Amino acid sequence: MVDKARHYEGKDYGWWKNAAHAADGLLQKVTPFKRVYLFRRLIGMSDYPICSWEVAWTFDECAGYRFGVPPNAATPDDIADWCEGHPDEWELIYDNVTRRAA
């Protein structure tokens, strides 16, 4: 997982993606939908990562875990909500990563 995370070192940060996250959050508040990924899907997510994107893709690719949302749409809140709701999963994640590294 560390090697995967280091893959993102030196890459430009996708500052404007925070605006897409904010726009989706606002749209989510004014529509009946629980999750909205409209603006995040309209912009390129892979060329310029943001912090939650890096965490979500690293866990998805290295351990096969998602935080309840597609990795390219994960927000820090999605990650925190998932972790708080699945405390026992962390041991499974650690075991899974350890087995893959062996």
N, C-alpha and C. Protein backbone atom coordinates (compact mmCIF):
# COMPACT_ATOMS: atom_id res chain seq x y z
N MET A 1 0.82 -1.19 0.00
CA MET A 1 0.00 0.00 0.00
C MET A 1 0.87 1.26 0.00
N VAL A 2 1.98 1.18 0.70
CA VAL A 2 2.88 2.34 0.74
C VAL A 2 3.43 2.63 -0.65
N ASP A 3 3.82 1.56 -1.36
CA ASP A 3 4.33 1.76 -2.72
C ASP A 3 3.27 2.38 -3.63
N LYS A 4 2.03 1.92 -3.51
CA LYS A 4 0.94 2.49 -4.31
C LYS A 4 0.73 3.95 -3.96
N ALA A 5 0.73 4.26 -2.69
CA ALA A 5 0.54 5.65 -2.26
C ALA A 5 1.70 6.53 -2.74
N ARG A 6 2.90 5.99 -2.74
CA ARG A 6 4.07 6.77 -3.19
C ARG A 6 4.03 7.05 -4.69
N HIS A 7 3.24 6.27 -5.40
CA HIS A 7 3.07 6.50 -6.84
C HIS A 7 2.57 7.92 -7.10
N TYR A 8 1.87 8.50 -6.15
CA TYR A 8 1.29 9.83 -6.32
C TYR A 8 2.24 10.96 -5.92
N GLU A 9 3.39 10.62 -5.35
CA GLU A 9 4.34 11.66 -4.95
C GLU A 9 4.77 12.48 -6.15
N GLY A 10 4.81 13.78 -5.95
CA GLY A 10 5.26 14.68 -6.99
C GLY A 10 4.22 15.05 -8.03
N LYS A 11 3.07 14.44 -7.98
CA LYS A 11 2.02 14.77 -8.94
C LYS A 11 1.34 16.07 -8.51
N ASP A 12 0.89 16.82 -9.48
CA ASP A 12 0.17 18.06 -9.17
C ASP A 12 -1.13 17.73 -8.47
N TYR A 13 -1.49 18.55 -7.51
CA TYR A 13 -2.73 18.37 -6.75
C TYR A 13 -3.89 18.96 -7.54
N GLY A 14 -5.01 18.27 -7.56
CA GLY A 14 -6.18 18.71 -8.30
C GLY A 14 -7.06 19.66 -7.51
N TRP A 15 -6.56 20.87 -7.27
CA TRP A 15 -7.28 21.85 -6.44
C TRP A 15 -8.70 22.09 -6.90
N TRP A 16 -8.91 22.19 -8.22
CA TRP A 16 -10.25 22.50 -8.73
C TRP A 16 -11.25 21.37 -8.46
N LYS A 17 -10.76 20.19 -8.17
CA LYS A 17 -11.67 19.08 -7.88
C LYS A 17 -12.44 19.32 -6.58
N ASN A 18 -11.85 20.10 -5.70
CA ASN A 18 -12.58 20.44 -4.47
C ASN A 18 -13.86 21.21 -4.80
N ALA A 19 -13.82 22.01 -5.86
CA ALA A 19 -15.02 22.72 -6.30
C ALA A 19 -16.07 21.74 -6.80
N ALA A 20 -15.64 20.68 -7.49
CA ALA A 20 -16.58 19.65 -7.96
C ALA A 20 -17.19 18.91 -6.78
N HIS A 21 -16.39 18.63 -5.76
CA HIS A 21 -16.92 17.99 -4.55
C HIS A 21 -17.94 18.90 -3.87
N ALA A 22 -17.62 20.18 -3.79
CA ALA A 22 -18.54 21.14 -3.16
C ALA A 22 -19.84 21.26 -3.96
N ALA A 23 -19.72 21.30 -5.29
CA ALA A 23 -20.93 21.40 -6.13
C ALA A 23 -21.80 20.16 -5.97
N ASP A 24 -21.20 18.98 -5.92
CA ASP A 24 -21.98 17.76 -5.69
C ASP A 24 -22.62 17.78 -4.30
N GLY A 25 -21.89 18.28 -3.31
CA GLY A 25 -22.45 18.36 -1.96
C GLY A 25 -23.65 19.29 -1.90
N LEU A 26 -23.56 20.42 -2.58
CA LEU A 26 -24.68 21.36 -2.63
C LEU A 26 -25.87 20.73 -3.35
N LEU A 27 -25.62 20.10 -4.47
CA LEU A 27 -26.69 19.45 -5.23
C LEU A 27 -27.33 18.33 -4.40
N GLN A 28 -26.53 17.66 -3.63
CA GLN A 28 -27.03 16.60 -2.76
C GLN A 28 -27.99 17.15 -1.71
N LYS A 29 -27.72 18.35 -1.24
CA LYS A 29 -28.59 18.97 -0.23
C LYS A 29 -29.92 19.46 -0.79
N VAL A 30 -29.95 19.80 -2.07
CA VAL A 30 -31.18 20.36 -2.65
C VAL A 30 -31.97 19.34 -3.48
N THR A 31 -31.49 18.10 -3.54
CA THR A 31 -32.22 17.04 -4.25
C THR A 31 -32.53 15.92 -3.27
N PRO A 32 -33.42 15.02 -3.64
CA PRO A 32 -33.74 13.92 -2.74
C PRO A 32 -32.71 12.78 -2.76
N PHE A 33 -31.65 12.91 -3.57
CA PHE A 33 -30.67 11.84 -3.69
C PHE A 33 -29.70 11.84 -2.52
N LYS A 34 -29.39 10.64 -2.02
CA LYS A 34 -28.48 10.51 -0.89
C LYS A 34 -27.04 10.84 -1.30
N ARG A 35 -26.64 10.40 -2.48
CA ARG A 35 -25.29 10.66 -2.99
C ARG A 35 -25.40 11.24 -4.40
N VAL A 36 -24.61 12.25 -4.68
CA VAL A 36 -24.58 12.87 -6.01
C VAL A 36 -23.13 12.92 -6.48
N TYR A 37 -22.86 12.41 -7.68
CA TYR A 37 -21.52 12.42 -8.25
C TYR A 37 -21.50 13.05 -9.63
N LEU A 38 -22.35 13.99 -9.88
CA LEU A 38 -22.47 14.59 -11.20
C LEU A 38 -21.21 15.35 -11.61
N PHE A 39 -20.81 16.32 -10.83
CA PHE A 39 -19.69 17.18 -11.21
C PHE A 39 -18.36 16.44 -11.15
N ARG A 40 -18.22 15.53 -10.19
CA ARG A 40 -16.99 14.75 -10.11
C ARG A 40 -16.83 13.81 -11.30
N ARG A 41 -17.95 13.37 -11.87
CA ARG A 41 -17.87 12.52 -13.06
C ARG A 41 -17.58 13.34 -14.32
N LEU A 42 -17.94 14.60 -14.31
CA LEU A 42 -17.74 15.43 -15.50
C LEU A 42 -16.29 15.90 -15.67
N ILE A 43 -15.53 15.91 -14.58
CA ILE A 43 -14.13 16.34 -14.69
C ILE A 43 -13.22 15.11 -14.63
N GLY A 44 -12.02 15.22 -15.20
CA GLY A 44 -11.07 14.11 -15.17
C GLY A 44 -10.52 13.91 -13.77
N MET A 45 -10.72 12.74 -13.24
CA MET A 45 -10.27 12.49 -11.87
C MET A 45 -8.90 11.83 -11.79
N SER A 46 -8.40 11.28 -12.87
CA SER A 46 -7.19 10.48 -12.75
C SER A 46 -5.88 11.25 -12.97
N ASP A 47 -5.92 12.36 -13.65
CA ASP A 47 -4.67 13.05 -13.94
C ASP A 47 -4.12 13.84 -12.76
N TYR A 48 -4.99 14.43 -11.98
CA TYR A 48 -4.57 15.26 -10.86
C TYR A 48 -5.31 14.83 -9.61
N PRO A 49 -4.69 13.95 -8.82
CA PRO A 49 -5.39 13.40 -7.65
C PRO A 49 -5.57 14.41 -6.52
N ILE A 50 -6.55 14.11 -5.67
CA ILE A 50 -6.74 14.85 -4.42
C ILE A 50 -6.59 13.83 -3.30
N CYS A 51 -6.49 14.30 -2.06
CA CYS A 51 -6.14 13.43 -0.95
C CYS A 51 -7.08 12.24 -0.78
N SER A 52 -8.38 12.47 -0.80
CA SER A 52 -9.31 11.36 -0.59
C SER A 52 -9.28 10.38 -1.75
N TRP A 53 -9.02 10.89 -2.95
CA TRP A 53 -8.90 10.03 -4.14
C TRP A 53 -7.73 9.08 -3.98
N GLU A 54 -6.58 9.60 -3.51
CA GLU A 54 -5.39 8.77 -3.33
C GLU A 54 -5.64 7.67 -2.30
N VAL A 55 -6.27 8.02 -1.20
CA VAL A 55 -6.56 7.03 -0.15
C VAL A 55 -7.52 5.97 -0.69
N ALA A 56 -8.59 6.40 -1.34
CA ALA A 56 -9.60 5.46 -1.83
C ALA A 56 -9.03 4.53 -2.90
N TRP A 57 -8.25 5.05 -3.85
CA TRP A 57 -7.68 4.19 -4.89
C TRP A 57 -6.65 3.23 -4.31
N THR A 58 -5.85 3.70 -3.36
CA THR A 58 -4.85 2.82 -2.75
C THR A 58 -5.53 1.65 -2.05
N PHE A 59 -6.56 1.92 -1.25
CA PHE A 59 -7.26 0.84 -0.57
C PHE A 59 -7.99 -0.07 -1.55
N ASP A 60 -8.57 0.50 -2.59
CA ASP A 60 -9.29 -0.31 -3.58
C ASP A 60 -8.34 -1.23 -4.33
N GLU A 61 -7.23 -0.69 -4.81
CA GLU A 61 -6.32 -1.49 -5.63
C GLU A 61 -5.47 -2.45 -4.81
N CYS A 62 -5.11 -2.09 -3.59
CA CYS A 62 -4.22 -2.92 -2.80
C CYS A 62 -4.94 -3.89 -1.87
N ALA A 63 -6.10 -3.52 -1.41
CA ALA A 63 -6.80 -4.36 -0.44
C ALA A 63 -8.19 -4.78 -0.88
N GLY A 64 -8.64 -4.23 -2.01
CA GLY A 64 -9.97 -4.59 -2.49
C GLY A 64 -11.11 -4.00 -1.68
N TYR A 65 -10.84 -2.91 -0.97
CA TYR A 65 -11.87 -2.27 -0.16
C TYR A 65 -12.25 -0.92 -0.72
N ARG A 66 -13.54 -0.67 -0.70
CA ARG A 66 -14.07 0.64 -1.06
C ARG A 66 -14.74 1.22 0.17
N PHE A 67 -14.87 2.50 0.18
CA PHE A 67 -15.46 3.19 1.32
C PHE A 67 -16.93 3.51 1.07
N GLY A 68 -17.64 2.57 0.48
CA GLY A 68 -19.06 2.73 0.24
C GLY A 68 -19.40 3.54 -1.00
N VAL A 69 -18.37 4.00 -1.70
CA VAL A 69 -18.55 4.80 -2.92
C VAL A 69 -17.44 4.42 -3.90
N PRO A 70 -17.60 4.75 -5.18
CA PRO A 70 -16.50 4.50 -6.12
C PRO A 70 -15.26 5.29 -5.69
N PRO A 71 -14.07 4.73 -5.85
CA PRO A 71 -12.85 5.43 -5.40
C PRO A 71 -12.68 6.83 -5.98
N ASN A 72 -13.09 7.02 -7.22
CA ASN A 72 -12.88 8.35 -7.82
C ASN A 72 -13.88 9.38 -7.32
N ALA A 73 -14.82 8.98 -6.49
CA ALA A 73 -15.81 9.92 -5.96
C ALA A 73 -15.74 10.03 -4.44
N ALA A 74 -14.81 9.32 -3.82
CA ALA A 74 -14.74 9.32 -2.36
C ALA A 74 -14.35 10.69 -1.80
N THR A 75 -15.03 11.07 -0.75
CA THR A 75 -14.70 12.30 -0.03
C THR A 75 -14.12 11.91 1.33
N PRO A 76 -13.44 12.82 2.01
CA PRO A 76 -12.99 12.50 3.36
C PRO A 76 -14.15 12.07 4.27
N ASP A 77 -15.32 12.67 4.07
CA ASP A 77 -16.49 12.31 4.87
C ASP A 77 -16.95 10.89 4.57
N ASP A 78 -16.93 10.48 3.30
CA ASP A 78 -17.28 9.10 2.94
C ASP A 78 -16.34 8.12 3.64
N ILE A 79 -15.05 8.41 3.62
CA ILE A 79 -14.07 7.53 4.23
C ILE A 79 -14.29 7.46 5.74
N ALA A 80 -14.48 8.61 6.38
CA ALA A 80 -14.71 8.63 7.83
C ALA A 80 -16.00 7.90 8.20
N ASP A 81 -17.07 8.14 7.46
CA ASP A 81 -18.34 7.46 7.74
C ASP A 81 -18.19 5.96 7.63
N TRP A 82 -17.51 5.49 6.59
CA TRP A 82 -17.33 4.05 6.40
C TRP A 82 -16.50 3.46 7.54
N CYS A 83 -15.42 4.14 7.91
CA CYS A 83 -14.55 3.63 8.97
C CYS A 83 -15.28 3.56 10.30
N GLU A 84 -16.05 4.59 10.60
CA GLU A 84 -16.81 4.59 11.86
C GLU A 84 -17.88 3.51 11.87
N GLY A 85 -18.45 3.21 10.71
CA GLY A 85 -19.50 2.21 10.63
C GLY A 85 -19.01 0.78 10.51
N HIS A 86 -17.70 0.59 10.28
CA HIS A 86 -17.13 -0.74 10.08
C HIS A 86 -15.84 -0.92 10.88
N PRO A 87 -15.87 -0.75 12.19
CA PRO A 87 -14.62 -0.83 12.96
C PRO A 87 -13.94 -2.20 12.87
N ASP A 88 -14.70 -3.28 12.72
CA ASP A 88 -14.10 -4.61 12.65
C ASP A 88 -13.43 -4.88 11.31
N GLU A 89 -13.76 -4.10 10.30
CA GLU A 89 -13.19 -4.31 8.97
C GLU A 89 -11.70 -4.00 8.92
N TRP A 90 -11.21 -3.14 9.80
CA TRP A 90 -9.80 -2.75 9.74
C TRP A 90 -8.89 -3.94 9.94
N GLU A 91 -9.26 -4.86 10.80
CA GLU A 91 -8.44 -6.06 10.99
C GLU A 91 -8.42 -6.89 9.71
N LEU A 92 -9.58 -6.98 9.03
CA LEU A 92 -9.64 -7.71 7.77
C LEU A 92 -8.79 -7.05 6.70
N ILE A 93 -8.80 -5.73 6.66
CA ILE A 93 -7.98 -5.00 5.69
C ILE A 93 -6.50 -5.29 5.95
N TYR A 94 -6.09 -5.20 7.21
CA TYR A 94 -4.69 -5.45 7.55
C TYR A 94 -4.29 -6.86 7.16
N ASP A 95 -5.12 -7.86 7.49
CA ASP A 95 -4.82 -9.24 7.14
C ASP A 95 -4.72 -9.43 5.62
N ASN A 96 -5.62 -8.81 4.89
CA ASN A 96 -5.65 -8.92 3.43
C ASN A 96 -4.39 -8.32 2.82
N VAL A 97 -3.98 -7.16 3.29
CA VAL A 97 -2.77 -6.50 2.77
C VAL A 97 -1.54 -7.33 3.13
N THR A 98 -1.51 -7.87 4.34
CA THR A 98 -0.37 -8.68 4.77
C THR A 98 -0.24 -9.93 3.90
N ARG A 99 -1.36 -10.58 3.61
CA ARG A 99 -1.32 -11.79 2.75
C ARG A 99 -0.86 -11.45 1.34
N ARG A 100 -1.30 -10.33 0.79
CA ARG A 100 -0.91 -9.96 -0.57
C ARG A 100 0.57 -9.60 -0.63
N ALA A 101 1.10 -9.05 0.44
CA ALA A 101 2.52 -8.65 0.45
C ALA A 101 3.44 -9.86 0.62
N ALA A 102 2.94 -10.93 1.20
CA ALA A 102 3.78 -12.12 1.47
C ALA A 102 4.11 -12.89 0.21
